[in-house]
Amino acid sequence: MARCTVAAGYEGWSEDDLRGLVPPALLVVGDTDFVRIEHAAQMHRLIPDARLAILPDCLHMDVMRRTELVLPIVEPFLAS
């Protein structure tokens, strides 16, 4: 229950937090995700050298199920 309470109070990362990320970042969202494409694009602009992938016909949970779309994106990212 304590973990749920902490998660419920999570307010997200600030723009300065996102600008300060150092490791490479790959943002993957579905085109019908609850994360709006505009929000993902804003995060992409703020995170230095980030990559953004928007998967077609995908809800939030579909991203993990659509390995035929995700693997060709993730594998080169991890290899770079």
C-alpha atoms as a PDB file:
ATOM      1  CA  MET A   1       0.000   0.000   0.000  1.00  0.00           C
ATOM      2  CA  ALA A   2       2.873   2.354   0.764  1.00  0.00           C
ATOM      3  CA  ARG A   3       4.240   1.911  -2.777  1.00  0.00           C
ATOM      4  CA  CYS A   4       0.834   2.743  -4.266  1.00  0.00           C
ATOM      5  CA  THR A   5       0.625   5.876  -2.146  1.00  0.00           C
ATOM      6  CA  VAL A   6       4.042   7.024  -3.348  1.00  0.00           C
ATOM      7  CA  ALA A   7       3.156   6.280  -6.963  1.00  0.00           C
ATOM      8  CA  ALA A   8      -0.161   8.099  -6.646  1.00  0.00           C
ATOM      9  CA  GLY A   9       1.672  11.185  -5.399  1.00  0.00           C
ATOM     10  CA  TYR A  10       4.218  11.121  -8.224  1.00  0.00           C
ATOM     11  CA  GLU A  11       4.047  14.398 -10.107  1.00  0.00           C
ATOM     12  CA  GLY A  12       6.371  13.517 -12.959  1.00  0.00           C
ATOM     13  CA  TRP A  13       9.727  14.814 -14.033  1.00  0.00           C
ATOM     14  CA  SER A  14      10.308  18.526 -14.402  1.00  0.00           C
ATOM     15  CA  GLU A  15      11.649  19.996 -17.633  1.00  0.00           C
ATOM     16  CA  ASP A  16      14.978  20.580 -15.869  1.00  0.00           C
ATOM     17  CA  ASP A  17      15.043  16.913 -14.789  1.00  0.00           C
ATOM     18  CA  LEU A  18      14.558  15.835 -18.405  1.00  0.00           C
ATOM     19  CA  ARG A  19      17.195  18.259 -19.715  1.00  0.00           C
ATOM     20  CA  GLY A  20      19.644  16.852 -17.156  1.00  0.00           C
ATOM     21  CA  LEU A  21      19.421  13.237 -18.301  1.00  0.00           C
ATOM     22  CA  VAL A  22      22.821  12.000 -19.409  1.00  0.00           C
ATOM     23  CA  PRO A  23      22.392   8.379 -20.519  1.00  0.00           C
ATOM     24  CA  PRO A  24      20.945   7.742 -23.972  1.00  0.00           C
ATOM     25  CA  ALA A  25      17.155   7.673 -23.895  1.00  0.00           C
ATOM     26  CA  LEU A  26      14.670   5.885 -26.111  1.00  0.00           C
ATOM     27  CA  LEU A  27      11.046   6.899 -25.695  1.00  0.00           C
ATOM     28  CA  VAL A  28       8.583   4.353 -27.068  1.00  0.00           C
ATOM     29  CA  VAL A  29       4.860   5.098 -27.072  1.00  0.00           C
ATOM     30  CA  GLY A  30       1.838   3.806 -28.909  1.00  0.00           C
ATOM     31  CA  ASP A  31      -0.102   6.087 -31.210  1.00  0.00           C
ATOM     32  CA  THR A  32      -3.202   5.487 -29.072  1.00  0.00           C
ATOM     33  CA  ASP A  33      -1.287   5.429 -25.776  1.00  0.00           C
ATOM     34  CA  PHE A  34      -2.533   7.347 -22.739  1.00  0.00           C
ATOM     35  CA  VAL A  35       0.744   9.247 -23.101  1.00  0.00           C
ATOM     36  CA  ARG A  36      -0.187  11.797 -25.735  1.00  0.00           C
ATOM     37  CA  ILE A  37       2.092  12.011 -28.767  1.00  0.00           C
ATOM     38  CA  GLU A  38       2.495  15.744 -28.121  1.00  0.00           C
ATOM     39  CA  HIS A  39       3.749  14.995 -24.606  1.00  0.00           C
ATOM     40  CA  ALA A  40       6.199  12.368 -25.875  1.00  0.00           C
ATOM     41  CA  ALA A  41       7.454  14.848 -28.494  1.00  0.00           C
ATOM     42  CA  GLN A  42       7.972  17.488 -25.802  1.00  0.00           C
ATOM     43  CA  MET A  43       9.955  15.018 -23.684  1.00  0.00           C
ATOM     44  CA  HIS A  44      11.972  14.091 -26.798  1.00  0.00           C
ATOM     45  CA  ARG A  45      12.875  17.753 -27.349  1.00  0.00           C
ATOM     46  CA  LEU A  46      13.944  18.204 -23.721  1.00  0.00           C
ATOM     47  CA  ILE A  47      16.102  15.087 -23.300  1.00  0.00           C
ATOM     48  CA  PRO A  48      19.504  15.565 -24.948  1.00  0.00           C
ATOM     49  CA  ASP A  49      20.082  13.172 -27.862  1.00  0.00           C
ATOM     50  CA  ALA A  50      16.888  11.234 -27.121  1.00  0.00           C
ATOM     51  CA  ARG A  51      15.183   9.034 -29.692  1.00  0.00           C
ATOM     52  CA  LEU A  52      11.427   8.770 -30.064  1.00  0.00           C
ATOM     53  CA  ALA A  53       9.481   5.876 -31.544  1.00  0.00           C
ATOM     54  CA  ILE A  54       5.722   5.991 -31.997  1.00  0.00           C
ATOM     55  CA  LEU A  55       4.243   2.580 -32.689  1.00  0.00           C
ATOM     56  CA  PRO A  56       1.173   2.365 -34.946  1.00  0.00           C
ATOM     57  CA  ASP A  57      -2.093   0.860 -33.731  1.00  0.00           C
ATOM     58  CA  CYS A  58      -0.790   0.478 -30.180  1.00  0.00           C
ATOM     59  CA  LEU A  59      -2.281   1.212 -26.807  1.00  0.00           C
ATOM     60  CA  HIS A  60       0.012   1.607 -23.796  1.00  0.00           C
ATOM     61  CA  MET A  61       0.128  -2.105 -22.951  1.00  0.00           C
ATOM     62  CA  ASP A  62       0.381  -3.108 -26.621  1.00  0.00           C
ATOM     63  CA  VAL A  63       3.895  -1.668 -26.746  1.00  0.00           C
ATOM     64  CA  MET A  64       5.162  -4.624 -24.713  1.00  0.00           C
ATOM     65  CA  ARG A  65       3.203  -7.129 -26.800  1.00  0.00           C
ATOM     66  CA  ARG A  66       4.287  -5.894 -30.220  1.00  0.00           C
ATOM     67  CA  THR A  67       7.816  -7.286 -30.247  1.00  0.00           C
ATOM     68  CA  GLU A  68       7.850  -7.331 -34.071  1.00  0.00           C
ATOM     69  CA  LEU A  69       7.736  -3.517 -33.904  1.00  0.00           C
ATOM     70  CA  VAL A  70       9.786  -2.935 -30.766  1.00  0.00           C
ATOM     71  CA  LEU A  71      12.816  -5.187 -31.355  1.00  0.00           C
ATOM     72  CA  PRO A  72      13.941  -3.513 -34.613  1.00  0.00           C
ATOM     73  CA  ILE A  73      13.935  -0.209 -32.717  1.00  0.00           C
ATOM     74  CA  VAL A  74      15.443  -1.327 -29.416  1.00  0.00           C
ATOM     75  CA  GLU A  75      18.230  -3.572 -30.723  1.00  0.00           C
ATOM     76  CA  PRO A  76      20.043  -0.849 -32.755  1.00  0.00           C
ATOM     77  CA  PHE A  77      19.521   1.615 -29.907  1.00  0.00           C
ATOM     78  CA  LEU A  78      21.207  -0.736 -27.436  1.00  0.00           C
ATOM     79  CA  ALA A  79      24.003  -1.482 -29.899  1.00  0.00           C
ATOM     80  CA  SER A  80      24.847   2.200 -30.427  1.00  0.00           C
END
